[in-house]
Each structure stands twice: as C-alpha cells, then as structure tokens.
Amino acid sequence: MWQILKRYPRAYLWSVLLHLALLVLMLTGIDWLVRSQEVGGFENMVQARMSESPDIERRINALRAMAAPTPTPEPEPQPEPPSQAEPAPVDAAATAALIAEERAAEQARIEAARQAELAEQQRQAELEARRKAKLERQRRAEQEAQRQAALEAQRQAKREAERQAKQARRRAQDEARRKAEDEVRRKVAEEAERRAAAEARRRAEQAERRREAAEEQARREDEQRRQREAQREQQRRAEQERRDAEARERALEAALAAELEAEQRAADAAFEQRTAAARAQIASRWVPAIQSRVQRFWVRPTVSKGGLDTLVNLRLEPGGLVVPGSVRVIESSGNAAFDQSVVVAIYQASPLPVPDGGEFDLFRDFNFVFRP
C-alpha cells in the first residue's frame, strides 16, 4: 500500500476519491447507474479525468460493464412496491491498481518515447558529427588539393621560367652564331664584290677596247688590206693587253699570297725567338745549378786532360729524377773515359735541381754540356 502511494500518489488519490463517491451513493440510496444532473455520472467523471489514454478508458468501461446488474423488465405496479436491490459493490482497490498499472504503463511508454527521442537525437547528433567530419575531410582534401595545385603551379612556373631562360640562352647563342656567320658572309661578299668589280672593270675595258676596235674597223671597212691587217694587228695587241692584264692580276694575287706567307713565317720566327729567349732565360737560371750538382759527383779520370767538354742528352721526371738509361753522349769530348765519367756523375747526381710547373717541360728531354 505504502509502496503504491509512494510510486503512484495521484493514482492512489483518485482511487480513494472513487471509493468515497461510491460510499456516498450507497448511503443516499441513489441509483448510481442512473445519471444525475446534480451529482454527475460516474462515467462523465472518469472520462473527464482519464482522457489522457484511450486504452485506460476502454478498460474502465469494461469494468463498469462487468459491475453493472443485468437490467430486468420493469414490474407492474403493486400495492406495495418491492424494495430495490442494492447494487453489487465495485472492487475499488482493483480499480485503483488497474488505474495505477495503466498509468505506470503510460509513464513507461512516455519514458520509452523520451528515451527513443533521446536516442534519435543522439543518432541525429552522431549523423551531424559524421556529416561535419565528412565536410571537414572534404574541406581539408580541397585545401590539400589547392595546395598541391599551387605547388604544381609553382613548379610549372619554375619549369616555364627555366624553359624561357634556356630558350633565351639558345636564342642568344643562335644570334651570336648568326652574327658571326653574317660577318663571315659579309667579308666573303665584300671580297667577291671586289673581285667582281675588278672583273667588271677589266671586262669594261675590254668592251671599250672592242667597241673602239669595232668603230675603227667600221671606219676602215673601205680601206685596203693593209688597213685590215693593221686592224688585225690592233686586235692582236688588244688581246695581248688582255692577257697581260690577266697576268698582272695573277701576279698580284701571287704576291699577296706570298706576302701573307712571309708574314706568317715572320710571326712564327718571332714566336720561336720569344720561345728560345724564354728557354734561354730558364736555362740560365737552372743549368748552372745542374752543372754544379753534377760537378760534385764527377770524378776526373786519371787519363784525361784538362779543357775537355762533352754534350749529353738526358730525360728527367718531375722532381729532377733522371730516367734510367736515358743519358746519351751526343758530342764526344774525344776521350771515352771522360765521356763515361760524365754519364756516371749524372746518374749519381739524380735528382737534379729543376723548376716546377710549366717550366719543367724544358727539362723533360734536353741536351747538357758538361765542362769541368
């Protein structure tokens, strides 16, 4: 009882009120099945209060029908009407329990609906979260795609700049080569024009001479054979002059070629002189040092006399090392023992003092005069 009161106070209150109403009806002798305007029917009261659930209303109507007595035909009037039978009492506790059960079921359905609504809200929230996550992934993917596109655009721009720079260098090289070719062609054309002008002058002179000869021949057509012979002689002289002019031109070209060749020979000779001077200058610095070192290792033969010298050829490696077997006598002193002593001294004096770098090339293979 107390548990029902605690869990369903409203249902318990309605049950008590319902029992009190039934008790009043039985004490006053009012037929509770007959509707009364002053008191109000039980059916109206239940409908007014229990309209929240159609299922509860159906169950209450079923209980009311079970509690109501079976109607009997109204008896004929008697002198003394029989007393009306009292209606069967309604089990108020069962009704209250049923109402409480129905209200508990309704509350459970409401709670289930609320839980379902909460579950639906949670599902919608999860769907919204997934949608937002998907949108975020799409946004990041788009940003990444934009970044990649920007990087690709930068790479394309860099490649385009490199291509343009390469094309610019190629165009500059082509332009320089074209200018060089144009310069060569210009010089060739100028030379050809000069030769063509000379040839044109020569032909013009020949044409002028032929014209004069033709005029002379026309003037002397009526003259005698002597005059024709003279004319032929004149033509011969003109031909000879032409040949002489051609010979002079060939001689001029030959002289020009000879002059160019002479200039080249002079340039080569000057280069050789400069090279020889440079070699002599290098030799003047290092040959005395070589002479002094060989002198320290040279042993005078007992059979030799003074005033001898010998010319030897030798090959050196970088650092002054004498190549084994490379020392040869080019001009003998006339004394074989003296020559052999010089060769031995050169081998023993290895390495010889020589310069480094390009100046050493002079001493790779050179002739050396030894004078004690």
Protein backbone atom coordinates (compact mmCIF):
# COMPACT_ATOMS: atom_id res chain seq x y z
CA MET A 1 0.00 0.00 0.00
CA TRP A 2 2.71 2.46 1.00
CA GLN A 3 4.82 1.48 -2.00
CA ILE A 4 1.85 2.20 -4.30
CA LEU A 5 1.30 5.54 -2.53
CA LYS A 6 4.97 6.46 -2.97
CA ARG A 7 5.22 5.39 -6.60
CA TYR A 8 1.72 6.49 -7.79
CA PRO A 9 0.36 9.18 -5.44
CA ARG A 10 -2.09 10.60 -7.99
CA ALA A 11 -3.50 7.17 -8.84
CA TYR A 12 -3.86 6.39 -5.11
CA LEU A 13 -5.67 9.71 -4.52
CA TRP A 14 -8.08 9.02 -7.38
CA SER A 15 -8.76 5.58 -6.01
CA VAL A 16 -9.66 6.99 -2.55
CA LEU A 17 -11.90 9.62 -4.09
CA LEU A 18 -13.63 6.94 -6.19
CA HIS A 19 -14.33 4.83 -3.08
CA LEU A 20 -15.73 7.84 -1.20
CA ALA A 21 -18.05 8.66 -4.12
CA LEU A 22 -19.38 5.09 -4.22
CA LEU A 23 -19.91 5.12 -0.45
CA VAL A 24 -21.94 8.36 -0.69
CA LEU A 25 -24.10 6.91 -3.45
CA MET A 26 -24.88 3.78 -1.46
CA LEU A 27 -25.72 5.72 1.73
CA THR A 28 -28.05 8.18 -0.04
CA GLY A 29 -29.86 5.38 -1.91
CA ILE A 30 -29.28 6.99 -5.31
CA ASP A 31 -29.06 4.57 -8.15
CA TRP A 32 -25.53 5.07 -9.38
CA LEU A 33 -26.48 3.64 -12.71
CA VAL A 34 -28.96 6.50 -13.31
CA ARG A 35 -27.41 9.73 -14.50
CA SER A 36 -27.98 12.68 -12.22
CA GLN A 37 -27.63 16.25 -13.32
CA GLU A 38 -26.79 17.49 -9.82
CA VAL A 39 -24.22 14.91 -8.84
CA GLY A 40 -22.97 13.88 -12.23
CA GLY A 41 -22.46 10.39 -13.53
CA PHE A 42 -19.53 8.24 -12.82
CA GLU A 43 -18.95 7.81 -16.46
CA ASN A 44 -18.61 11.55 -17.03
CA MET A 45 -16.26 11.91 -14.09
CA VAL A 46 -14.00 9.10 -15.31
CA GLN A 47 -13.99 10.39 -18.86
CA ALA A 48 -13.13 13.89 -17.72
CA ARG A 49 -10.16 12.72 -15.67
CA MET A 50 -8.86 9.75 -17.67
CA SER A 51 -8.90 11.18 -21.17
CA GLU A 52 -5.08 11.02 -21.41
CA SER A 53 -5.13 7.34 -22.56
CA PRO A 54 -7.81 5.69 -24.75
CA ASP A 55 -6.64 2.26 -23.60
CA ILE A 56 -7.32 3.14 -19.93
CA GLU A 57 -10.75 4.46 -20.84
CA ARG A 58 -11.59 1.19 -22.60
CA ARG A 59 -10.51 -0.87 -19.59
CA ILE A 60 -12.60 1.29 -17.17
CA ASN A 61 -15.66 0.92 -19.37
CA ALA A 62 -15.15 -2.84 -19.38
CA LEU A 63 -15.01 -2.91 -15.56
CA ARG A 64 -18.12 -0.76 -15.30
CA ALA A 65 -19.99 -3.09 -17.60
CA MET A 66 -18.97 -6.10 -15.51
CA ALA A 67 -20.10 -4.40 -12.27
CA ALA A 68 -23.49 -3.21 -13.60
CA PRO A 69 -26.52 -5.57 -12.89
CA THR A 70 -28.44 -7.08 -15.73
CA PRO A 71 -31.48 -4.90 -16.48
CA THR A 72 -34.83 -6.59 -15.85
CA PRO A 73 -38.23 -5.62 -17.19
CA GLU A 74 -39.95 -3.08 -15.03
CA PRO A 75 -42.63 -4.87 -12.81
CA GLU A 76 -46.19 -3.89 -12.81
CA PRO A 77 -47.27 -1.57 -10.03
CA GLN A 78 -48.24 -3.37 -6.82
CA PRO A 79 -49.89 -2.04 -3.78
CA GLU A 80 -46.66 -2.31 -2.00
CA PRO A 81 -43.66 -1.97 -4.37
CA PRO A 82 -40.86 -4.22 -3.52
CA SER A 83 -37.69 -2.63 -2.22
CA GLN A 84 -34.92 -2.16 -4.78
CA ALA A 85 -31.96 -4.48 -4.56
CA GLU A 86 -28.70 -2.83 -3.60
CA PRO A 87 -26.11 -2.80 -6.36
CA ALA A 88 -23.12 -5.02 -6.09
CA PRO A 89 -20.16 -3.21 -4.62
CA VAL A 90 -17.24 -2.38 -7.01
CA ASP A 91 -13.74 -3.52 -6.06
CA ALA A 92 -12.15 -0.08 -5.63
CA ALA A 93 -8.72 -1.50 -4.83
CA ALA A 94 -8.63 -3.48 -8.07
CA THR A 95 -9.76 -0.44 -9.99
CA ALA A 96 -7.14 1.74 -8.36
CA ALA A 97 -4.49 -0.88 -9.00
CA LEU A 98 -5.60 -1.14 -12.63
CA ILE A 99 -5.54 2.64 -12.96
CA ALA A 100 -2.09 2.72 -11.36
CA GLU A 101 -0.90 -0.07 -13.65
CA GLU A 102 -2.24 1.76 -16.67
CA ARG A 103 -0.69 4.99 -15.54
CA ALA A 104 2.60 3.18 -14.90
CA ALA A 105 2.41 1.67 -18.38
CA GLU A 106 1.62 5.10 -19.79
CA GLN A 107 4.54 6.54 -17.85
CA ALA A 108 6.75 3.73 -19.18
CA ARG A 109 5.58 4.44 -22.71
CA ILE A 110 6.27 8.14 -22.19
CA GLU A 111 9.70 7.29 -20.76
CA ALA A 112 10.33 4.90 -23.68
CA ALA A 113 9.24 7.62 -26.09
CA ARG A 114 11.53 10.08 -24.34
CA GLN A 115 14.40 7.57 -24.45
CA ALA A 116 13.63 6.90 -28.12
CA GLU A 117 13.60 10.66 -28.72
CA LEU A 118 16.91 10.98 -26.87
CA ALA A 119 18.30 8.05 -28.88
CA GLU A 120 17.04 9.70 -32.07
CA GLN A 121 18.59 12.99 -31.00
CA GLN A 122 21.84 11.19 -30.25
CA ARG A 123 21.66 9.40 -33.61
CA GLN A 124 20.96 12.72 -35.33
CA ALA A 125 23.86 14.27 -33.41
CA GLU A 126 26.13 11.40 -34.50
CA LEU A 127 24.93 11.79 -38.07
CA GLU A 128 25.55 15.55 -37.83
CA ALA A 129 29.01 14.87 -36.37
CA ARG A 130 29.74 12.43 -39.19
CA ARG A 131 28.45 14.94 -41.71
CA LYS A 132 30.60 17.69 -40.20
CA ALA A 133 33.61 15.32 -40.11
CA LYS A 134 32.97 14.41 -43.74
CA LEU A 135 32.69 18.10 -44.64
CA GLU A 136 35.89 18.76 -42.68
CA ARG A 137 37.66 15.96 -44.54
CA GLN A 138 36.34 17.30 -47.81
CA ARG A 139 37.46 20.82 -46.82
CA ARG A 140 40.92 19.54 -45.89
CA ALA A 141 41.07 17.50 -49.08
CA GLU A 142 40.11 20.59 -51.07
CA GLN A 143 42.72 22.63 -49.20
CA GLU A 144 45.32 19.93 -49.85
CA ALA A 145 44.26 19.81 -53.50
CA GLN A 146 44.54 23.60 -53.67
CA ARG A 147 47.95 23.46 -52.01
CA GLN A 148 49.09 20.73 -54.39
CA ALA A 149 47.68 22.75 -57.28
CA ALA A 150 49.56 25.81 -56.03
CA LEU A 151 52.77 23.77 -55.71
CA GLU A 152 52.22 22.32 -59.18
CA ALA A 153 51.60 25.83 -60.50
CA GLN A 154 54.86 26.97 -58.86
CA ARG A 155 56.69 24.01 -60.37
CA GLN A 156 55.12 24.73 -63.74
CA ALA A 157 56.11 28.40 -63.43
CA LYS A 158 59.66 27.41 -62.46
CA ARG A 159 59.89 24.97 -65.38
CA GLU A 160 58.45 27.62 -67.68
CA ALA A 161 60.98 30.17 -66.42
CA GLU A 162 63.81 27.68 -66.91
CA ARG A 163 62.49 26.84 -70.37
CA GLN A 164 62.26 30.51 -71.29
CA ALA A 165 65.73 31.15 -69.87
CA LYS A 166 67.06 28.20 -71.86
CA GLN A 167 65.31 29.46 -74.96
CA ALA A 168 66.75 32.92 -74.30
CA ARG A 169 70.26 31.46 -73.99
CA ARG A 170 69.71 29.40 -77.12
CA ARG A 171 68.43 32.47 -78.95
CA ALA A 172 71.43 34.47 -77.75
CA GLN A 173 73.78 31.71 -78.91
CA ASP A 174 71.95 31.46 -82.24
CA GLU A 175 72.09 35.24 -82.58
CA ALA A 176 75.82 35.28 -81.83
CA ARG A 177 76.41 32.44 -84.27
CA ARG A 178 74.25 34.17 -86.86
CA LYS A 179 76.16 37.41 -86.41
CA ALA A 180 79.44 35.56 -86.79
CA GLU A 181 78.17 33.80 -89.90
CA ASP A 182 76.83 37.09 -91.23
CA GLU A 183 80.24 38.68 -90.62
CA VAL A 184 81.96 35.86 -92.50
CA ARG A 185 79.44 36.08 -95.30
CA ARG A 186 79.86 39.85 -95.38
CA LYS A 187 83.61 39.55 -95.70
CA VAL A 188 83.24 36.87 -98.37
CA ALA A 189 80.68 39.02 -100.16
CA GLU A 190 82.97 42.06 -99.98
CA GLU A 191 85.82 40.02 -101.38
CA ALA A 192 83.53 38.66 -104.07
CA GLU A 193 82.32 42.19 -104.83
CA ARG A 194 85.90 43.42 -105.03
CA ARG A 195 86.81 40.62 -107.41
CA ALA A 196 83.59 41.15 -109.36
CA ALA A 197 84.32 44.89 -109.59
CA ALA A 198 87.84 44.20 -110.81
CA GLU A 199 86.48 41.70 -113.32
CA ALA A 200 83.79 44.18 -114.34
CA ARG A 201 86.40 46.89 -114.84
CA ARG A 202 88.53 44.51 -116.87
CA ARG A 203 85.57 43.48 -119.00
CA ALA A 204 84.50 47.09 -119.32
CA GLU A 205 87.97 47.95 -120.51
CA GLN A 206 87.85 45.03 -122.90
CA ALA A 207 84.40 46.06 -124.08
CA GLU A 208 85.60 49.61 -124.54
CA ARG A 209 88.56 48.39 -126.49
CA ARG A 210 86.38 46.11 -128.56
CA ARG A 211 84.00 48.98 -129.18
CA GLU A 212 86.86 51.20 -130.27
CA ALA A 213 88.20 48.40 -132.38
CA ALA A 214 84.78 47.88 -133.93
CA GLU A 215 84.47 51.58 -134.64
CA GLU A 216 87.94 51.61 -136.09
CA GLN A 217 87.07 48.59 -138.13
CA ALA A 218 83.86 50.24 -139.32
CA ARG A 219 85.73 53.38 -140.29
CA ARG A 220 88.29 51.40 -142.21
CA GLU A 221 85.98 48.96 -143.93
CA ASP A 222 86.61 50.63 -147.20
CA GLU A 223 90.37 50.72 -146.74
CA GLN A 224 92.70 48.32 -148.31
CA ARG A 225 94.06 45.04 -146.96
CA ARG A 226 96.87 46.91 -145.30
CA GLN A 227 94.40 48.68 -143.23
CA ARG A 228 92.63 45.38 -142.39
CA GLU A 229 95.96 43.86 -141.45
CA ALA A 230 96.64 46.85 -139.29
CA GLN A 231 93.27 46.37 -137.69
CA ARG A 232 94.01 42.72 -137.03
CA GLU A 233 97.31 43.79 -135.53
CA GLN A 234 95.50 46.17 -133.32
CA GLN A 235 93.16 43.38 -132.22
CA ARG A 236 96.12 41.20 -131.51
CA ARG A 237 97.61 43.93 -129.37
CA ALA A 238 94.31 44.26 -127.54
CA GLU A 239 94.25 40.55 -126.86
CA GLN A 240 97.82 40.71 -125.71
CA GLU A 241 96.92 43.55 -123.40
CA ARG A 242 94.08 41.49 -122.01
CA ARG A 243 96.43 38.61 -121.42
CA ASP A 244 98.91 40.96 -119.87
CA ALA A 245 96.20 42.35 -117.56
CA GLU A 246 95.22 38.86 -116.51
CA ALA A 247 98.88 38.02 -115.95
CA ARG A 248 99.29 41.16 -113.83
CA GLU A 249 96.23 40.21 -111.80
CA ARG A 250 97.54 36.68 -111.22
CA ALA A 251 100.91 38.11 -110.29
CA LEU A 252 99.21 40.48 -107.85
CA GLU A 253 97.33 37.60 -106.23
CA ALA A 254 100.52 35.54 -106.04
CA ALA A 255 102.35 38.47 -104.49
CA LEU A 256 99.57 38.92 -101.96
CA ALA A 257 99.70 35.22 -101.05
CA ALA A 258 103.49 35.38 -100.79
CA GLU A 259 103.23 38.45 -98.58
CA LEU A 260 100.76 36.66 -96.29
CA GLU A 261 103.02 33.61 -96.16
CA ALA A 262 106.00 35.80 -95.38
CA GLU A 263 104.09 37.50 -92.60
CA GLN A 264 103.15 34.08 -91.16
CA ARG A 265 106.77 32.92 -91.36
CA ALA A 266 107.86 36.13 -89.66
CA ALA A 267 105.27 35.60 -86.92
CA ASP A 268 106.42 32.00 -86.49
CA ALA A 269 110.03 33.10 -86.38
CA ALA A 270 109.22 35.78 -83.80
CA PHE A 271 107.38 33.19 -81.73
CA GLU A 272 110.33 30.82 -82.00
CA GLN A 273 112.66 33.62 -80.99
CA ARG A 274 110.49 34.50 -77.98
CA THR A 275 110.29 30.81 -77.06
CA ALA A 276 114.04 30.41 -77.46
CA ALA A 277 114.64 33.51 -75.37
CA ALA A 278 112.32 32.22 -72.66
CA ARG A 279 114.06 28.83 -72.74
CA ALA A 280 117.45 30.51 -72.60
CA GLN A 281 116.34 32.59 -69.63
CA ILE A 282 115.06 29.47 -67.82
CA ALA A 283 118.23 27.57 -68.73
CA SER A 284 120.40 30.43 -67.48
CA ARG A 285 118.77 30.04 -64.06
CA TRP A 286 118.81 26.24 -63.74
CA VAL A 287 121.62 24.86 -65.95
CA PRO A 288 124.35 26.29 -63.69
CA ALA A 289 122.68 24.59 -60.71
CA ILE A 290 122.60 21.30 -62.65
CA GLN A 291 126.26 21.82 -63.67
CA SER A 292 127.23 22.45 -60.06
CA ARG A 293 125.42 19.33 -58.77
CA VAL A 294 126.91 17.05 -61.44
CA GLN A 295 130.31 18.62 -60.70
CA ARG A 296 130.03 17.49 -57.06
CA PHE A 297 129.51 13.86 -58.11
CA TRP A 298 132.03 13.87 -61.01
CA VAL A 299 135.34 12.04 -60.58
CA ARG A 300 138.09 13.09 -63.04
CA PRO A 301 139.57 10.12 -64.91
CA THR A 302 143.31 9.70 -64.43
CA VAL A 303 143.97 9.52 -68.17
CA SER A 304 142.02 12.67 -69.08
CA LYS A 305 143.46 16.07 -69.64
CA GLY A 306 142.02 19.47 -68.93
CA GLY A 307 139.85 21.59 -71.23
CA LEU A 308 137.54 18.76 -72.25
CA ASP A 309 133.74 19.00 -72.56
CA THR A 310 131.04 16.66 -73.75
CA LEU A 311 127.42 17.13 -74.91
CA VAL A 312 124.96 14.62 -73.50
CA ASN A 313 121.19 14.16 -73.85
CA LEU A 314 119.11 13.11 -70.86
CA ARG A 315 115.46 12.78 -69.87
CA LEU A 316 114.10 13.77 -66.46
CA GLU A 317 110.96 13.07 -64.49
CA PRO A 318 109.11 15.70 -62.38
CA GLY A 319 111.25 16.40 -59.34
CA GLY A 320 114.54 16.02 -61.29
CA LEU A 321 114.87 12.22 -61.28
CA VAL A 322 116.99 11.00 -64.20
CA VAL A 323 115.18 8.39 -66.28
CA PRO A 324 117.27 5.21 -66.16
CA GLY A 325 119.10 4.51 -69.44
CA SER A 326 118.21 7.94 -70.86
CA VAL A 327 121.69 9.60 -70.72
CA ARG A 328 123.36 9.52 -74.16
CA VAL A 329 126.54 11.17 -75.44
CA ILE A 330 125.68 13.43 -78.39
CA GLU A 331 129.07 15.07 -79.00
CA SER A 332 132.04 13.26 -77.51
CA SER A 333 134.95 15.06 -75.93
CA GLY A 334 137.30 12.72 -77.75
CA ASN A 335 138.08 10.93 -74.52
CA ALA A 336 135.84 7.90 -73.86
CA ALA A 337 136.81 7.74 -70.19
CA PHE A 338 135.88 11.40 -69.76
CA ASP A 339 132.54 10.85 -71.51
CA GLN A 340 131.75 7.81 -69.35
CA SER A 341 132.66 9.69 -66.16
CA VAL A 342 130.18 12.41 -67.07
CA VAL A 343 127.38 9.87 -67.66
CA VAL A 344 128.12 8.18 -64.31
CA ALA A 345 128.17 11.56 -62.50
CA ILE A 346 124.76 12.49 -63.94
CA TYR A 347 123.17 9.24 -62.71
CA GLN A 348 124.74 9.68 -59.26
CA ALA A 349 123.63 13.34 -59.03
CA SER A 350 119.93 12.36 -59.57
CA PRO A 351 117.63 14.05 -58.67
CA LEU A 352 118.85 17.19 -60.39
CA PRO A 353 117.62 20.67 -59.45
CA VAL A 354 114.80 21.60 -61.88
CA PRO A 355 111.82 24.02 -61.73
CA ASP A 356 108.22 23.07 -61.16
CA GLY A 357 105.11 23.65 -63.26
CA GLY A 358 105.29 24.57 -66.91
CA GLU A 359 109.00 25.48 -66.81
CA PHE A 360 109.85 21.84 -66.10
CA ASP A 361 108.76 20.86 -69.65
CA LEU A 362 112.07 22.34 -70.88
CA PHE A 363 113.98 19.68 -68.89
CA ARG A 364 111.94 16.62 -69.77
CA ASP A 365 114.30 15.92 -72.70
CA PHE A 366 117.27 18.31 -73.10
CA ASN A 367 120.95 18.49 -74.05
CA PHE A 368 123.55 19.29 -71.41
CA VAL A 369 127.18 20.37 -71.97
CA PHE A 370 129.46 19.37 -69.12
CA ARG A 371 132.63 21.42 -68.66
CA PRO A 372 134.60 20.69 -65.50
